[in-house]
Amino acid sequence: MTLTADSPRPIFRETARRGTEGSVELKIPVDRLETALNWVMSQPGIAPELSNAIVGTLWLMQVDAFRQQEEEGMLSNKYDAMLNDHRPFLADLIANGETLIWAAKKSGMVSPPLKFTIEDLEATLNSLHATFRAEHGPKNSQKTNELIAQLFDGQKP
């Protein structure tokens, strides 16, 4: 899912954070940041290792913004209403992460200023997969839930 200026973003936050705790929040619309970084990466002579680090930085920022939107939805009791939008944005983050990790393993990745590694990207991707399974994966049947409840209550099924 490619984000454009006209894309609806009920889950996706419009700003990106810079630095660590105590730094000033830099508010840049995601589409402008993405456009600028795509332009940089399309320039002749940009090494794949650098491109992968740039894409990795942007992807981690997108994941951070997504997680913040999840948290805001939970705190405001609007999370369940967000689930229809949650699935496609989460699937897009997962697909982009899979592509990024494949490219980084194939071509390498320079050490970005935020000092993340391919292993950090994989761990982040695994957390997104776990979220997808928990929120949008198969659910137990009513009978299975009753049997589980009986086991915890000490009753025989």
Protein backbone atom coordinates (compact mmCIF):
# COMPACT_ATOMS: atom_id res chain seq x y z
CA MET A 1 0.00 0.00 0.00
CA THR A 2 1.68 3.19 -1.16
CA LEU A 3 0.83 6.25 0.88
CA THR A 4 -0.03 9.39 -1.03
CA ALA A 5 -1.08 12.84 0.10
CA ASP A 6 -4.70 11.81 -0.51
CA SER A 7 -4.54 8.46 1.30
CA PRO A 8 -6.82 8.13 4.32
CA ARG A 9 -4.72 7.54 7.42
CA PRO A 10 -6.95 6.89 10.41
CA ILE A 11 -4.27 4.66 11.93
CA PHE A 12 -1.13 6.25 10.53
CA ARG A 13 0.24 9.27 12.35
CA GLU A 14 1.16 12.26 10.20
CA THR A 15 4.39 13.12 12.00
CA ALA A 16 7.71 11.45 12.55
CA ARG A 17 9.98 11.68 15.61
CA ARG A 18 13.61 12.61 15.56
CA GLY A 19 16.23 11.58 18.06
CA THR A 20 15.64 10.22 21.51
CA GLU A 21 13.94 11.31 24.71
CA GLY A 22 14.53 14.97 25.43
CA SER A 23 14.89 15.97 21.80
CA VAL A 24 12.55 18.31 19.97
CA GLU A 25 9.78 16.61 18.01
CA LEU A 26 10.22 17.25 14.32
CA LYS A 27 6.84 17.34 12.59
CA ILE A 28 7.20 16.26 9.00
CA PRO A 29 4.24 14.92 7.05
CA VAL A 30 4.97 11.28 6.26
CA ASP A 31 4.31 11.72 2.54
CA ARG A 32 6.85 14.57 2.32
CA LEU A 33 9.48 12.58 4.16
CA GLU A 34 8.82 9.53 2.03
CA THR A 35 9.03 11.61 -1.17
CA ALA A 36 12.33 13.18 -0.12
CA LEU A 37 13.90 9.87 0.85
CA ASN A 38 12.68 8.16 -2.31
CA TRP A 39 14.28 10.96 -4.33
CA VAL A 40 17.60 10.53 -2.49
CA MET A 41 17.54 6.78 -3.03
CA SER A 42 16.78 7.14 -6.74
CA GLN A 43 19.89 9.20 -7.41
CA PRO A 44 22.61 7.48 -9.44
CA GLY A 45 25.47 6.18 -7.36
CA ILE A 46 23.53 5.61 -4.12
CA ALA A 47 24.89 2.36 -2.75
CA PRO A 48 22.31 -0.32 -1.93
CA GLU A 49 23.76 -0.51 1.60
CA LEU A 50 22.95 3.18 2.14
CA SER A 51 19.56 2.86 0.50
CA ASN A 52 18.71 -0.04 2.83
CA ALA A 53 19.70 2.03 5.87
CA ILE A 54 17.52 4.93 4.71
CA VAL A 55 14.56 2.65 4.02
CA GLY A 56 15.13 0.94 7.38
CA THR A 57 15.09 4.27 9.19
CA LEU A 58 11.86 5.33 7.48
CA TRP A 59 10.25 1.93 8.11
CA LEU A 60 11.08 2.02 11.82
CA MET A 61 9.60 5.53 12.01
CA GLN A 62 6.43 4.24 10.34
CA VAL A 63 6.24 1.32 12.78
CA ASP A 64 6.71 3.72 15.70
CA ALA A 65 3.92 5.97 14.43
CA PHE A 66 1.67 2.94 13.90
CA ARG A 67 2.31 1.66 17.43
CA GLN A 68 1.57 5.11 18.86
CA GLN A 69 -1.75 5.15 17.01
CA GLU A 70 -2.56 1.72 18.43
CA GLU A 71 -1.80 2.98 21.92
CA GLU A 72 -3.86 6.14 21.46
CA GLY A 73 -6.77 4.00 20.23
CA MET A 74 -6.55 1.76 23.29
CA LEU A 75 -6.33 4.68 25.71
CA SER A 76 -9.35 6.38 24.11
CA ASN A 77 -11.38 3.12 23.96
CA LYS A 78 -11.55 3.42 20.15
CA TYR A 79 -9.25 0.51 19.33
CA ASP A 80 -12.01 -1.92 18.32
CA ALA A 81 -13.45 0.70 15.95
CA MET A 82 -9.99 1.06 14.37
CA LEU A 83 -9.53 -2.65 13.58
CA ASN A 84 -10.93 -2.46 10.03
CA ASP A 85 -8.27 0.12 9.18
CA HIS A 86 -5.65 -1.58 11.35
CA ARG A 87 -5.41 -4.72 9.22
CA PRO A 88 -4.37 -3.18 5.85
CA PHE A 89 -1.88 -0.77 7.43
CA LEU A 90 -0.37 -3.58 9.49
CA ALA A 91 -0.19 -5.84 6.44
CA ASP A 92 1.55 -3.05 4.51
CA LEU A 93 4.13 -2.56 7.27
CA ILE A 94 4.78 -6.31 7.32
CA ALA A 95 5.20 -6.48 3.54
CA ASN A 96 7.54 -3.50 3.52
CA GLY A 97 9.54 -4.99 6.39
CA GLU A 98 9.88 -8.32 4.60
CA THR A 99 11.16 -6.56 1.47
CA LEU A 100 13.55 -4.40 3.47
CA ILE A 101 15.05 -7.33 5.37
CA TRP A 102 15.42 -9.35 2.18
CA ALA A 103 17.24 -6.43 0.50
CA ALA A 104 19.44 -5.79 3.54
CA LYS A 105 20.46 -9.44 3.76
CA LYS A 106 21.14 -9.54 0.03
CA SER A 107 23.04 -6.25 -0.34
CA GLY A 108 23.98 -5.31 3.21
CA MET A 109 23.21 -2.19 5.20
CA VAL A 110 25.46 0.57 6.50
CA SER A 111 25.20 1.35 10.19
CA PRO A 112 22.65 4.16 10.41
CA PRO A 113 22.88 6.97 12.99
CA LEU A 114 20.16 5.26 15.07
CA LYS A 115 22.45 2.20 15.33
CA PHE A 116 19.90 -0.46 14.44
CA THR A 117 20.87 -3.74 12.85
CA ILE A 118 19.21 -6.22 10.52
CA GLU A 119 18.45 -8.27 13.63
CA ASP A 120 16.60 -5.27 15.11
CA LEU A 121 14.57 -5.00 11.91
CA GLU A 122 13.76 -8.72 12.12
CA ALA A 123 12.65 -8.40 15.76
CA THR A 124 10.40 -5.48 14.85
CA LEU A 125 8.94 -7.46 11.95
CA ASN A 126 8.32 -10.44 14.25
CA SER A 127 6.40 -8.17 16.65
CA LEU A 128 4.23 -6.99 13.74
CA HIS A 129 3.55 -10.60 12.71
CA ALA A 130 2.59 -11.43 16.32
CA THR A 131 0.21 -8.47 16.39
CA PHE A 132 -1.37 -9.55 13.10
CA ARG A 133 -1.93 -13.10 14.37
CA ALA A 134 -3.36 -11.89 17.68
CA GLU A 135 -5.71 -9.27 16.21
CA HIS A 136 -6.62 -10.68 12.81
CA GLY A 137 -5.72 -14.38 12.93
CA PRO A 138 -7.99 -17.34 13.59
CA LYS A 139 -9.90 -17.33 16.85
CA ASN A 140 -10.90 -20.25 19.03
CA SER A 141 -14.39 -21.66 18.67
CA GLN A 142 -16.85 -21.16 21.53
CA LYS A 143 -16.51 -24.86 22.43
CA THR A 144 -12.70 -24.57 22.61
CA ASN A 145 -12.98 -21.49 24.84
CA GLU A 146 -15.38 -23.35 27.15
CA LEU A 147 -13.02 -26.33 27.39
CA ILE A 148 -10.09 -24.05 28.19
CA ALA A 149 -12.16 -22.26 30.83
CA GLN A 150 -13.09 -25.62 32.40
CA LEU A 151 -9.41 -26.61 32.56
CA PHE A 152 -8.54 -23.42 34.41
CA ASP A 153 -11.52 -23.83 36.75
CA GLY A 154 -10.36 -27.36 37.62
CA GLN A 155 -13.45 -28.99 36.13
CA LYS A 156 -13.25 -32.06 33.95
CA PRO A 157 -14.26 -31.52 30.32
